[in-house]
């Protein structure tokens, strides 16, 4: 692999090293175990909230504008939307999907009657208006037209299909060329707080980024983000391009790229991330990158299209009767780590058609304090359940070791602050909803060794044979780093002495600390599980701020 990523700290703490060179080295998740008998997998993603590096007070440059954020009324958060939309038809069509033309779509363009396209599907978002974090005005940009650019611009990580499933009107069958474009983004001028509809300029200065120097084989970039982490950056060389992607929570992804076929070749580099927000890249194979410092040398893209690269399946291991562990090896010249609680999209081709699904990478071994794959950058690891009628997993499971697979940049917005700030963390996972919990468990285990922080996992499965990573969880329990409670929903397993049944209010009351005890709760699983759990947590008086739902 080919890139050394060294995290420099202001203190004399141990540096974290991560390498990518040009040699070849040797997780859906929320495609969960649905007790009701799921036969077709969903296009499952995650709504999450990433580490937000602290913005330095002495920013190199300040943003001229930012997206308007509208405070929601009490009872209008994500958990509230999940409760409201649970088992209700909000489409206005009686729950019968229909085909929608551009003429019909254009008629539904008011606040009380708002339809929009997201990718190829039409949704009636009228009921969702007051739950939208960006406000009703922002959502109305896509009223009666194709809102796909709106979703990919502001919320590329959102699993809209799960979140809006009860709002689905049907398939769009009209012509996009006859639709009006999305209205321009509503922005706030930071100088006086006034609202404008101007299109943002695309210069480095507008986004708090500056080229500090480019000479010989070294490129230095200053950013406004103090305590920037390697997880927030994707760096990649190809035959003709060097690409940097900055992804920070609650901010639009920013891609910088330099194109020079005579200069660039896929190869190794070292990437240093400093707590001041500066990034330094030392290239091993480039001749001279002085031209990178020229004003027009860098191409800037805000909310770039989802970017894929070809990776290799390096290992396949059967975990349960229908669940497998995969090691996917990343290509040379790529430095990419997936932050805790974030996912990537995996893409395969079936009958000439591309199919993609989001999966959360796990650790090679949760019991290893060094992570064994946590930070080496050589591979990503996934736990994937294969469904009998799954369009994606049936194709994916047929791939052998050595086969190629397309892997996207990371997406997500999980806020890692609670990992440090809460004394107790409870993880509620059903089926392979366990996957986003794996890195959380390891991180909390590391903290528990020195601070006494407690982590508890309530893991819901159909049978004992469905429990993934059972031995690793038992080892962490034996080390007093994790408490695990297993719950099985199906009868059988005569030797099972643990809990049986499904998630209930009484079960959660018995096994969770009382609200207000500095406890943070994460929930992940199939929709019926998530909806029921969120409802029970609300009835038990847990605040929205202390609960994170991996939506999917």
Protein backbone atom coordinates (compact mmCIF):
# COMPACT_ATOMS: atom_id res chain seq x y z
CA UNK A 1 0.00 0.00 0.00
CA UNK A 2 1.33 3.59 -0.24
CA UNK A 3 0.79 6.41 2.20
CA UNK A 4 2.14 7.11 5.62
CA UNK A 5 -0.42 9.01 7.64
CA UNK A 6 1.18 10.41 10.78
CA UNK A 7 -1.04 12.22 13.26
CA UNK A 8 1.15 14.83 14.90
CA UNK A 9 0.06 15.90 18.35
CA UNK A 10 0.93 19.07 20.25
CA UNK A 11 1.95 16.96 23.23
CA UNK A 12 4.54 14.18 23.18
CA UNK A 13 1.94 11.48 22.89
CA UNK A 14 2.60 8.50 20.72
CA UNK A 15 2.08 9.24 17.03
CA UNK A 16 -0.37 7.17 15.02
CA UNK A 17 1.17 5.82 11.84
CA UNK A 18 -0.67 4.60 8.80
CA UNK A 19 0.99 3.45 5.56
CA UNK A 20 -0.06 3.14 1.92
CA UNK A 21 2.45 2.12 -0.69
CA UNK A 22 2.50 0.86 -4.21
CA UNK A 23 3.08 -2.77 -3.25
CA UNK A 24 0.18 -5.21 -2.97
CA UNK A 25 -0.66 -6.32 0.54
CA UNK A 26 -2.25 -8.81 1.98
CA UNK A 27 -19.52 -4.45 6.41
CA UNK A 28 -24.97 -4.10 6.11
CA UNK A 29 -25.01 -3.70 7.81
CA UNK A 30 -28.12 -2.78 8.29
CA UNK A 31 -29.22 -5.53 6.02
CA UNK A 32 -30.49 -6.99 9.21
CA UNK A 33 -32.13 -10.07 10.54
CA UNK A 34 -35.80 -9.16 10.31
CA UNK A 35 -37.79 -11.39 12.64
CA UNK A 36 -40.89 -10.90 10.51
CA UNK A 37 -39.15 -12.85 7.76
CA UNK A 38 -37.40 -10.42 5.46
CA UNK A 39 -36.94 -11.98 2.04
CA UNK A 40 -35.73 -9.03 -0.01
CA UNK A 41 -32.94 -6.89 1.34
CA UNK A 42 -33.38 -3.14 1.56
CA UNK A 43 -31.02 -0.53 0.17
CA UNK A 44 -29.92 0.15 3.68
CA UNK A 45 -27.78 3.06 4.74
CA UNK A 46 -27.15 4.93 7.92
CA UNK A 47 -28.10 8.25 9.25
CA UNK A 48 -25.36 9.13 11.49
CA UNK A 49 -23.55 12.28 13.13
CA UNK A 50 -18.77 12.12 12.43
CA UNK A 51 -16.27 13.67 14.61
CA UNK A 52 -16.42 17.43 14.26
CA UNK A 53 -12.89 18.80 14.57
CA UNK A 54 -12.93 21.97 16.64
CA UNK A 55 -12.79 25.09 14.46
CA UNK A 56 -9.78 27.15 15.48
CA UNK A 57 -10.49 30.66 16.73
CA UNK A 58 -7.64 31.94 14.60
CA UNK A 59 -8.85 30.39 11.36
CA UNK A 60 -6.61 30.90 8.38
CA UNK A 61 -9.71 32.01 6.52
CA UNK A 62 -13.38 32.11 7.38
CA UNK A 63 -16.32 30.87 5.40
CA UNK A 64 -18.26 33.66 3.72
CA UNK A 65 -21.52 31.83 4.07
CA UNK A 66 -23.02 28.67 5.48
CA UNK A 67 -26.20 26.66 5.00
CA UNK A 68 -29.13 27.86 7.00
CA UNK A 69 -29.96 25.66 9.97
CA UNK A 70 -33.44 26.09 11.37
CA UNK A 71 -34.17 25.16 15.01
CA UNK A 72 -36.89 22.50 15.08
CA UNK A 73 -39.90 22.79 17.35
CA UNK A 74 -40.10 20.54 20.37
CA UNK A 75 -41.07 17.01 19.32
CA UNK A 76 -39.75 17.35 15.77
CA UNK A 77 -36.46 15.41 15.94
CA UNK A 78 -35.43 12.23 14.13
CA UNK A 79 -36.77 9.99 16.89
CA UNK A 80 -40.09 11.83 16.73
CA UNK A 81 -40.28 11.33 12.96
CA UNK A 82 -39.62 7.60 13.35
CA UNK A 83 -42.52 7.39 15.82
CA UNK A 84 -44.88 9.45 13.64
CA UNK A 85 -44.12 7.58 10.42
CA UNK A 86 -44.23 4.12 11.99
CA UNK A 87 -46.71 1.87 10.16
CA UNK A 88 -48.54 4.83 8.57
CA UNK A 89 -49.23 5.61 4.94
CA UNK A 90 -48.02 9.18 4.41
CA UNK A 91 -47.91 8.95 0.62
CA UNK A 92 -51.50 10.04 0.08
CA UNK A 93 -52.00 7.20 -2.40
CA UNK A 94 -53.50 4.60 -0.09
CA UNK A 95 -50.23 2.68 0.05
CA UNK A 96 -50.46 1.63 -3.61
CA UNK A 97 -47.29 2.62 -5.52
CA UNK A 98 -47.96 4.27 -8.86
CA UNK A 99 -46.03 5.51 -11.86
CA UNK A 100 -45.56 9.28 -11.89
CA UNK A 101 -45.06 11.45 -14.98
CA UNK A 102 -43.40 14.88 -15.05
CA UNK A 103 -46.83 16.51 -15.57
CA UNK A 104 -48.30 14.95 -12.43
CA UNK A 105 -45.19 15.63 -10.37
CA UNK A 106 -45.21 19.33 -11.25
CA UNK A 107 -48.74 19.71 -9.83
CA UNK A 108 -47.58 18.79 -6.31
CA UNK A 109 -45.34 21.75 -5.51
CA UNK A 110 -46.82 23.47 -2.47
CA UNK A 111 -45.95 23.20 1.20
CA UNK A 112 -49.11 21.24 1.98
CA UNK A 113 -48.83 19.05 -1.11
CA UNK A 114 -45.16 18.46 -1.89
CA UNK A 115 -43.85 15.63 -4.06
CA UNK A 116 -40.25 15.25 -5.18
CA UNK A 117 -37.93 12.79 -6.90
CA UNK A 118 -34.97 11.28 -5.08
CA UNK A 119 -33.04 9.19 -7.57
CA UNK A 120 -35.76 7.23 -9.41
CA UNK A 121 -38.52 7.33 -6.81
CA UNK A 122 -41.17 9.93 -6.03
CA UNK A 123 -41.95 10.82 -2.39
CA UNK A 124 -44.71 12.88 -0.81
CA UNK A 125 -42.72 14.82 1.80
CA UNK A 126 -45.60 17.03 3.00
CA UNK A 127 -45.74 15.31 6.39
CA UNK A 128 -41.95 15.41 6.75
CA UNK A 129 -41.69 19.19 6.21
CA UNK A 130 -41.65 20.24 9.86
CA UNK A 131 -39.18 17.48 10.78
CA UNK A 132 -36.56 18.53 8.23
CA UNK A 133 -33.44 19.86 10.01
CA UNK A 134 -32.85 22.45 7.27
CA UNK A 135 -36.34 23.87 7.56
CA UNK A 136 -39.35 23.82 5.26
CA UNK A 137 -37.97 26.53 2.95
CA UNK A 138 -34.86 24.46 2.21
CA UNK A 139 -36.91 21.34 1.45
CA UNK A 140 -39.20 23.32 -0.85
CA UNK A 141 -36.26 23.80 -3.22
CA UNK A 142 -37.09 20.34 -4.60
CA UNK A 143 -40.88 20.66 -4.63
CA UNK A 144 -42.45 19.24 -7.80
CA UNK A 145 -39.13 18.36 -9.39
CA UNK A 146 -35.99 16.23 -9.14
CA UNK A 147 -34.55 16.77 -5.62
CA UNK A 148 -31.72 14.25 -6.04
CA UNK A 149 -29.10 17.05 -6.26
CA UNK A 150 -30.52 18.54 -3.06
CA UNK A 151 -30.11 15.28 -1.12
CA UNK A 152 -26.62 14.56 -2.48
CA UNK A 153 -25.54 18.15 -1.85
CA UNK A 154 -26.57 18.49 1.78
CA UNK A 155 -27.15 14.95 3.09
CA UNK A 156 -25.18 12.44 0.98
CA UNK A 157 -25.07 10.00 3.93
CA UNK A 158 -28.81 9.91 4.62
CA UNK A 159 -30.66 6.66 4.00
CA UNK A 160 -33.65 8.43 2.51
CA UNK A 161 -35.31 5.17 1.36
CA UNK A 162 -35.67 3.99 4.94
CA UNK A 163 -36.48 7.40 6.39
CA UNK A 164 -39.16 8.18 3.78
CA UNK A 165 -40.43 4.67 3.11
CA UNK A 166 -43.99 5.50 4.24
CA UNK A 167 -43.97 8.58 1.99
CA UNK A 168 -43.26 6.62 -1.21
CA UNK A 169 -45.64 7.54 -4.04
CA UNK A 170 -44.02 5.37 -6.71
CA UNK A 171 -41.61 5.25 -9.63
CA UNK A 172 -40.83 8.29 -11.80
CA UNK A 173 -41.42 7.43 -15.47
CA UNK A 174 -41.32 10.90 -17.04
CA UNK A 175 -38.57 12.98 -18.61
CA UNK A 176 -36.18 14.83 -16.30
CA UNK A 177 -35.33 17.29 -19.06
CA UNK A 178 -38.87 18.70 -18.81
CA UNK A 179 -38.59 19.39 -15.07
CA UNK A 180 -37.52 22.71 -13.64
CA UNK A 181 -34.16 22.57 -11.86
CA UNK A 182 -33.89 22.66 -8.07
CA UNK A 183 -33.95 26.19 -6.71
CA UNK A 184 -30.64 27.60 -5.58
CA UNK A 185 -29.53 26.94 -2.03
CA UNK A 186 -30.68 29.25 0.73
CA UNK A 187 -27.60 30.58 2.52
CA UNK A 188 -26.81 32.84 5.43
CA UNK A 189 -24.37 35.71 5.06
CA UNK A 190 -22.14 35.46 8.11
CA UNK A 191 -21.57 39.21 8.18
CA UNK A 192 -25.11 40.29 8.95
CA UNK A 193 -27.14 37.08 9.20
CA UNK A 194 -29.31 38.00 6.22
CA UNK A 195 -30.66 35.27 3.97
CA UNK A 196 -29.64 35.14 0.34
CA UNK A 197 -30.01 32.73 -2.56
CA UNK A 198 -26.60 33.23 -4.07
CA UNK A 199 -24.62 30.38 -5.54
CA UNK A 200 -21.39 29.84 -3.53
CA UNK A 201 -18.12 30.61 -5.24
CA UNK A 202 -15.62 27.84 -5.71
CA UNK A 203 -12.32 29.16 -4.42
CA UNK A 204 -10.16 27.64 -1.72
CA UNK A 205 -10.48 30.80 0.38
CA UNK A 206 -14.25 30.42 0.54
CA UNK A 207 -13.84 27.08 2.28
CA UNK A 208 -11.11 27.90 4.74
CA UNK A 209 -8.35 26.19 2.74
CA UNK A 210 -5.04 27.60 1.55
CA UNK A 211 -2.03 26.22 -0.31
CA UNK A 212 0.86 26.91 2.08
CA UNK A 213 3.57 25.62 -0.21
CA UNK A 214 4.35 23.35 -3.15
CA UNK A 215 7.91 22.45 -4.02
CA UNK A 216 9.75 19.44 -5.37
CA UNK A 217 7.96 16.44 -3.82
CA UNK A 218 6.10 18.18 -1.02
CA UNK A 219 2.66 19.83 -0.85
CA UNK A 220 1.44 21.71 2.24
CA UNK A 221 -2.19 22.72 2.71
CA UNK A 222 -3.65 24.83 5.51
CA UNK A 223 -7.25 24.33 6.65
CA UNK A 224 -9.55 26.01 9.13
CA UNK A 225 -10.16 22.74 10.97
CA UNK A 226 -8.25 22.43 14.19
CA UNK A 227 -7.66 18.85 15.35
CA UNK A 228 -8.29 17.51 11.84
CA UNK A 229 -8.04 13.70 11.82
CA UNK A 230 -6.80 11.28 9.12
CA UNK A 231 -10.29 9.76 9.20
CA UNK A 232 -11.61 13.03 7.76
CA UNK A 233 -9.40 12.77 4.66
CA UNK A 234 -9.26 10.53 1.60
CA UNK A 235 -6.03 10.89 -0.40
CA UNK A 236 -5.57 9.08 -3.68
CA UNK A 237 -3.22 8.95 -6.65
CA UNK A 238 -4.11 7.54 -10.05
CA UNK A 239 -2.22 7.52 -13.34
CA UNK A 240 -2.96 11.20 -13.95
CA UNK A 241 -4.58 12.69 -10.84
CA UNK A 242 -3.92 13.41 -7.19
CA UNK A 243 -7.15 13.75 -5.19
CA UNK A 244 -7.88 14.97 -1.66
CA UNK A 245 -11.34 14.71 -0.12
CA UNK A 246 -12.17 16.49 3.14
CA UNK A 247 -15.27 15.13 4.90
CA UNK A 248 -16.35 16.67 8.17
CA UNK A 249 -19.59 16.34 10.05
CA UNK A 250 -22.28 18.88 9.26
CA UNK A 251 -20.21 20.34 6.43
CA UNK A 252 -20.32 19.68 2.72
CA UNK A 253 -17.58 17.36 1.40
CA UNK A 254 -14.84 19.27 -0.42
CA UNK A 255 -12.74 17.60 -3.11
CA UNK A 256 -9.45 19.02 -4.40
CA UNK A 257 -7.77 17.46 -7.41
CA UNK A 258 -4.66 18.11 -9.47
CA UNK A 259 -4.37 16.70 -12.97
CA UNK A 260 -1.02 16.36 -14.72
CA UNK A 261 -0.50 13.14 -16.73
CA UNK A 262 3.20 13.93 -17.25
CA UNK A 263 3.82 14.37 -13.55
CA UNK A 264 1.51 12.06 -11.65
CA UNK A 265 1.69 8.31 -11.45
CA UNK A 266 -0.02 5.97 -9.01
CA UNK A 267 2.48 5.53 -6.23
CA UNK A 268 3.37 6.00 -2.60
CA UNK A 269 3.19 9.12 -0.49
CA UNK A 270 3.23 10.18 3.15
CA UNK A 271 0.43 12.28 4.57
CA UNK A 272 0.89 14.14 7.85
CA UNK A 273 -2.11 15.66 9.61
CA UNK A 274 -1.28 18.24 12.26
CA UNK A 275 -3.49 19.49 15.06
CA UNK A 276 -3.18 23.00 13.64
CA UNK A 277 -5.26 21.83 10.69
CA UNK A 278 -2.31 21.71 8.29
CA UNK A 279 -1.87 18.75 5.95
CA UNK A 280 1.50 17.81 4.42
CA UNK A 281 1.93 15.32 1.58
CA UNK A 282 5.38 14.02 0.67
CA UNK A 283 5.31 12.22 -2.68
CA UNK A 284 7.75 9.40 -3.37
CA UNK A 285 7.23 9.02 -7.09
CA UNK A 286 6.32 12.51 -8.32
CA UNK A 287 9.09 14.52 -9.95
CA UNK A 288 8.14 18.04 -8.87
CA UNK A 289 4.81 19.31 -7.55
CA UNK A 290 5.68 23.03 -7.64
CA UNK A 291 2.94 23.53 -10.24
CA UNK A 292 0.37 22.41 -7.67
CA UNK A 293 0.77 25.79 -5.99
CA UNK A 294 -0.41 27.73 -9.04
CA UNK A 295 -3.77 29.55 -8.57
CA UNK A 296 -5.65 27.56 -11.21
CA UNK A 297 -3.88 24.22 -10.78
CA UNK A 298 -6.45 22.80 -8.35
CA UNK A 299 -9.97 21.80 -9.32
CA UNK A 300 -12.48 22.26 -6.49
CA UNK A 301 -15.71 20.27 -6.23
CA UNK A 302 -18.26 20.74 -3.47
CA UNK A 303 -20.39 17.66 -2.77
CA UNK A 304 -18.70 15.67 -5.54
CA UNK A 305 -20.41 12.67 -7.06
CA UNK A 306 -19.93 9.41 -5.20
CA UNK A 307 -16.42 8.23 -6.08
CA UNK A 308 -15.54 4.54 -6.47
CA UNK A 309 -12.32 2.62 -6.94
CA UNK A 310 -11.72 -1.05 -7.73
CA UNK A 311 -10.70 -3.19 -4.75
CA UNK A 312 -10.01 -6.90 -4.33
CA UNK A 313 -11.78 -9.41 -2.10
CA UNK A 314 -8.85 -10.83 -0.17
CA UNK A 315 -10.59 -13.17 2.26
CA UNK A 316 -14.00 -14.77 2.77
CA UNK A 317 -14.91 -16.58 6.00
CA UNK A 318 -18.25 -18.06 7.03
CA UNK A 319 -19.42 -16.80 10.43
CA UNK A 320 -22.94 -18.24 10.67
CA UNK A 321 -25.27 -20.20 8.40
CA UNK A 322 -26.03 -17.05 6.36
CA UNK A 323 -23.47 -14.44 7.43
CA UNK A 324 -19.91 -13.99 6.15
CA UNK A 325 -16.78 -12.05 7.05
CA UNK A 326 -15.03 -10.31 4.14
CA UNK A 327 -11.65 -8.66 3.87
CA UNK A 328 -11.53 -6.18 1.00
CA UNK A 329 -8.04 -5.02 0.02
CA UNK A 330 -7.65 -1.40 -1.05
CA UNK A 331 -5.60 -0.46 -4.13
CA UNK A 332 -2.13 1.06 -4.20
CA UNK A 333 -1.92 4.83 -3.80
CA UNK A 334 -4.99 5.15 -1.59
CA UNK A 335 -5.13 6.47 1.98
CA UNK A 336 -8.68 5.95 3.25
CA UNK A 337 -9.89 5.20 6.75
CA UNK A 338 -13.57 4.90 7.57
CA UNK A 339 -14.53 6.84 10.72
CA UNK A 340 -16.43 5.16 13.55
CA UNK A 341 -20.11 4.81 12.68
CA UNK A 342 -19.61 5.58 8.99
CA UNK A 343 -20.16 3.39 5.96
CA UNK A 344 -19.02 2.91 2.39
CA UNK A 345 -21.03 1.80 -0.61
CA UNK A 346 -20.16 -1.50 -2.26
CA UNK A 347 -21.11 -1.88 -5.92
CA UNK A 348 -21.49 -4.99 -8.06
CA UNK A 349 -22.94 -5.71 -11.49
CA UNK A 350 -25.82 -8.12 -12.02
CA UNK A 351 -27.24 -8.80 -15.48
CA UNK A 352 -25.49 -5.71 -16.78
CA UNK A 353 -26.98 -3.46 -14.08
CA UNK A 354 -25.02 -1.85 -11.25
CA UNK A 355 -26.32 -2.47 -7.72
CA UNK A 356 -24.91 -0.65 -4.71
CA UNK A 357 -25.52 -0.98 -0.98
CA UNK A 358 -24.01 0.76 2.07
CA UNK A 359 -22.11 -1.33 4.63
CA UNK A 360 -20.28 -0.33 7.79
CA UNK A 361 -16.73 -1.70 8.05
CA UNK A 362 -15.97 -3.65 11.23
CA UNK A 363 -12.67 -4.61 12.85
CA UNK A 364 -10.70 -7.70 11.98
CA UNK A 365 -10.63 -8.50 15.70
CA UNK A 366 -12.45 -6.47 18.37
CA UNK A 367 -10.37 -8.03 21.13
CA UNK A 368 -7.07 -6.63 19.81
CA UNK A 369 -6.24 -3.21 21.34
CA UNK A 370 -4.18 -2.43 18.24
CA UNK A 371 -7.20 -2.99 16.07
CA UNK A 372 -5.62 -5.40 13.56
CA UNK A 373 -6.96 -3.51 10.61
CA UNK A 374 -8.28 -0.53 12.57
CA UNK A 375 -5.68 1.87 11.21
CA UNK A 376 -3.31 0.07 8.84
CA UNK A 377 -5.19 1.34 5.82
CA UNK A 378 -4.52 -1.80 3.79
CA UNK A 379 -7.99 -3.34 3.98
CA UNK A 380 -11.60 -2.90 5.04
CA UNK A 381 -13.51 -5.65 6.87
CA UNK A 382 -17.23 -6.37 6.56
CA UNK A 383 -19.85 -8.66 8.07
CA UNK A 384 -22.52 -9.30 5.43
CA UNK A 385 -25.72 -11.30 5.74
CA UNK A 386 -26.82 -13.09 2.55
CA UNK A 387 -30.55 -12.99 1.83
CA UNK A 388 -32.27 -15.70 -0.25
CA UNK A 389 -33.80 -13.11 -2.58
CA UNK A 390 -31.32 -10.27 -2.03
CA UNK A 391 -30.50 -8.59 -5.33
CA UNK A 392 -27.14 -7.38 -4.02
CA UNK A 393 -26.08 -10.10 -1.59
CA UNK A 394 -26.84 -12.98 -3.93
CA UNK A 395 -24.51 -11.44 -6.52
CA UNK A 396 -21.91 -10.43 -3.95
CA UNK A 397 -21.83 -13.83 -2.23
CA UNK A 398 -21.00 -15.49 -5.57
CA UNK A 399 -17.72 -13.54 -5.77
CA UNK A 400 -14.61 -15.50 -4.78
CA UNK A 401 -11.34 -14.46 -3.20
CA UNK A 402 -9.44 -12.46 -5.80
CA UNK A 403 -12.60 -11.01 -7.36
CA UNK A 404 -12.91 -7.25 -7.79
CA UNK A 405 -15.50 -5.02 -6.11
CA UNK A 406 -16.15 -1.28 -6.34
CA UNK A 407 -15.84 0.63 -3.04
CA UNK A 408 -16.89 4.25 -2.50
CA UNK A 409 -15.53 7.00 -0.30
CA UNK A 410 -16.82 6.93 3.32
CA UNK A 411 -20.17 8.54 4.15
CA UNK A 412 -21.88 9.28 7.41
CA UNK A 413 -22.21 11.75 10.22
CA UNK A 414 -21.91 9.82 13.47
CA UNK A 415 -20.71 12.18 16.18
CA UNK A 416 -17.96 10.49 18.16
CA UNK A 417 -18.10 13.00 21.01
CA UNK A 418 -20.39 10.80 23.16
CA UNK A 419 -17.74 8.07 23.11
CA UNK A 420 -15.63 10.27 25.35
CA UNK A 421 -18.14 12.39 27.23
CA UNK A 422 -20.62 9.77 28.51
CA UNK A 423 -19.71 7.51 31.42
CA UNK A 424 -22.09 4.79 30.25
CA UNK A 425 -23.01 3.71 26.73
CA UNK A 426 -25.70 1.18 25.81
CA UNK A 427 -25.79 -0.36 22.34
CA UNK A 428 -29.05 -1.91 21.13
CA UNK A 429 -28.49 -4.04 18.03
CA UNK A 430 -30.63 -6.50 16.09
CA UNK A 431 -29.08 -8.94 13.64
CA UNK A 432 -26.29 -7.39 11.61
CA UNK A 433 -27.30 -4.03 13.04
CA UNK A 434 -24.37 -5.03 15.23
CA UNK A 435 -21.86 -3.88 12.59
CA UNK A 436 -21.71 -0.12 13.40
CA UNK A 437 -21.32 -1.09 17.06
CA UNK A 438 -18.07 -3.03 16.53
CA UNK A 439 -15.71 -0.04 16.37
CA UNK A 440 -17.66 1.71 19.12
CA UNK A 441 -17.12 -1.31 21.37
CA UNK A 442 -13.37 -1.36 20.74
CA UNK A 443 -12.99 2.39 21.23
CA UNK A 444 -14.96 2.29 24.45
CA UNK A 445 -12.96 -0.73 25.62
CA UNK A 446 -9.77 1.26 25.17
CA UNK A 447 -11.27 4.11 27.19
CA UNK A 448 -12.59 1.75 29.85
CA UNK A 449 -9.09 0.46 30.53
CA UNK A 450 -8.01 3.86 31.81
CA UNK A 451 -11.20 5.72 32.77
CA UNK A 452 -13.66 3.09 33.93
CA UNK A 453 -16.22 3.97 31.25
CA UNK A 454 -18.87 1.25 30.93
CA UNK A 455 -20.36 -0.20 27.76
CA UNK A 456 -23.31 -2.56 27.50
CA UNK A 457 -24.53 -4.41 24.40
CA UNK A 458 -28.08 -5.73 24.08
CA UNK A 459 -27.93 -8.04 21.07
CA UNK A 460 -31.12 -9.37 19.50
CA UNK A 461 -31.07 -12.39 17.16
CA UNK A 462 -33.40 -15.15 16.00
CA UNK A 463 -31.32 -18.12 17.20
CA UNK A 464 -28.05 -18.85 18.93
CA UNK A 465 -26.53 -19.74 15.54
CA UNK A 466 -27.23 -16.20 14.31
CA UNK A 467 -24.95 -14.54 16.87
CA UNK A 468 -21.91 -13.12 15.07
CA UNK A 469 -18.51 -12.62 16.75
CA UNK A 470 -19.69 -14.48 19.85
CA UNK A 471 -16.21 -15.56 20.95
CA UNK A 472 -14.80 -12.04 20.65
CA UNK A 473 -17.67 -10.63 22.69
CA UNK A 474 -17.16 -13.28 25.37
CA UNK A 475 -13.45 -12.43 25.59
CA UNK A 476 -14.22 -8.71 26.05
CA UNK A 477 -16.72 -9.67 28.75
CA UNK A 478 -14.13 -11.79 30.54
CA UNK A 479 -11.80 -8.77 30.57
CA UNK A 480 -14.58 -6.64 32.14
CA UNK A 481 -14.49 -4.30 29.12
CA UNK A 482 -18.03 -5.01 27.94
CA UNK A 483 -21.31 -6.36 29.30
CA UNK A 484 -23.39 -8.37 26.82
CA UNK A 485 -27.03 -9.42 27.05
CA UNK A 486 -28.28 -11.73 24.29
CA UNK A 487 -31.97 -12.00 23.43
CA UNK A 488 -33.30 -14.71 21.09
CA UNK A 489 -36.70 -14.35 19.41
CA UNK A 490 -37.27 -17.92 18.17
CA UNK A 491 -37.92 -21.06 20.15
CA UNK A 492 -35.47 -23.95 20.02
CA UNK A 493 -31.93 -24.01 21.35
CA UNK A 494 -32.98 -26.11 24.34
CA UNK A 495 -29.66 -25.42 26.06
CA UNK A 496 -30.20 -21.65 25.91
CA UNK A 497 -30.38 -20.13 29.39
CA UNK A 498 -30.50 -16.49 28.28
CA UNK A 499 -33.37 -14.15 27.52
CA UNK A 500 -36.03 -14.87 24.91
CA UNK A 501 -38.51 -12.67 23.11
CA UNK A 502 -38.38 -9.36 21.28
CA UNK A 503 -37.54 -5.84 22.33
CA UNK A 504 -40.09 -4.55 24.85
CA UNK A 505 -40.44 -1.57 27.13
CA UNK A 506 -40.09 -3.79 30.18
CA UNK A 507 -36.90 -5.39 28.87
CA UNK A 508 -35.29 -2.00 28.21
CA UNK A 509 -36.34 -0.71 31.61
CA UNK A 510 -34.71 -3.71 33.27
CA UNK A 511 -31.41 -3.48 31.40
CA UNK A 512 -30.78 0.24 30.78
CA UNK A 513 -29.67 2.82 33.34
CA UNK A 514 -32.30 5.36 34.32
CA UNK A 515 -32.60 8.43 32.06
CA UNK A 516 -30.30 11.22 33.11
CA UNK A 517 -27.52 8.93 34.38
CA UNK A 518 -25.05 10.24 31.79
CA UNK A 519 -25.90 7.36 29.48
CA UNK A 520 -25.79 7.48 25.68
CA UNK A 521 -27.77 4.94 23.66
CA UNK A 522 -27.16 3.75 20.08
CA UNK A 523 -29.82 1.83 18.15
CA UNK A 524 -29.37 -0.17 14.96
CA UNK A 525 -31.45 -2.85 13.33
CA UNK A 526 -34.25 -3.51 10.84
CA UNK A 527 -37.02 -0.93 10.68
CA UNK A 528 -39.56 -2.78 12.90
CA UNK A 529 -36.93 -3.17 15.62
CA UNK A 530 -35.77 0.45 15.36
CA UNK A 531 -39.29 1.86 15.40
CA UNK A 532 -40.33 -0.18 18.43
CA UNK A 533 -37.12 0.62 20.32
CA UNK A 534 -37.39 4.37 19.67
CA UNK A 535 -40.99 4.35 20.85
CA UNK A 536 -40.11 2.52 24.08
CA UNK A 537 -37.14 4.81 24.78
CA UNK A 538 -39.42 7.81 24.41
CA UNK A 539 -41.96 6.30 26.79
CA UNK A 540 -39.15 5.68 29.27
CA UNK A 541 -38.28 9.42 29.10
CA UNK A 542 -34.90 9.18 27.39
CA UNK A 543 -34.08 12.49 25.70
CA UNK A 544 -33.48 12.68 21.95
CA UNK A 545 -30.04 14.14 22.61
CA UNK A 546 -28.94 11.00 24.45
CA UNK A 547 -30.06 8.56 21.73
CA UNK A 548 -28.49 8.00 18.32
CA UNK A 549 -30.36 5.99 15.71
CA UNK A 550 -28.46 4.38 12.86
CA UNK A 551 -31.30 4.66 10.39
CA UNK A 552 -31.54 1.76 8.03
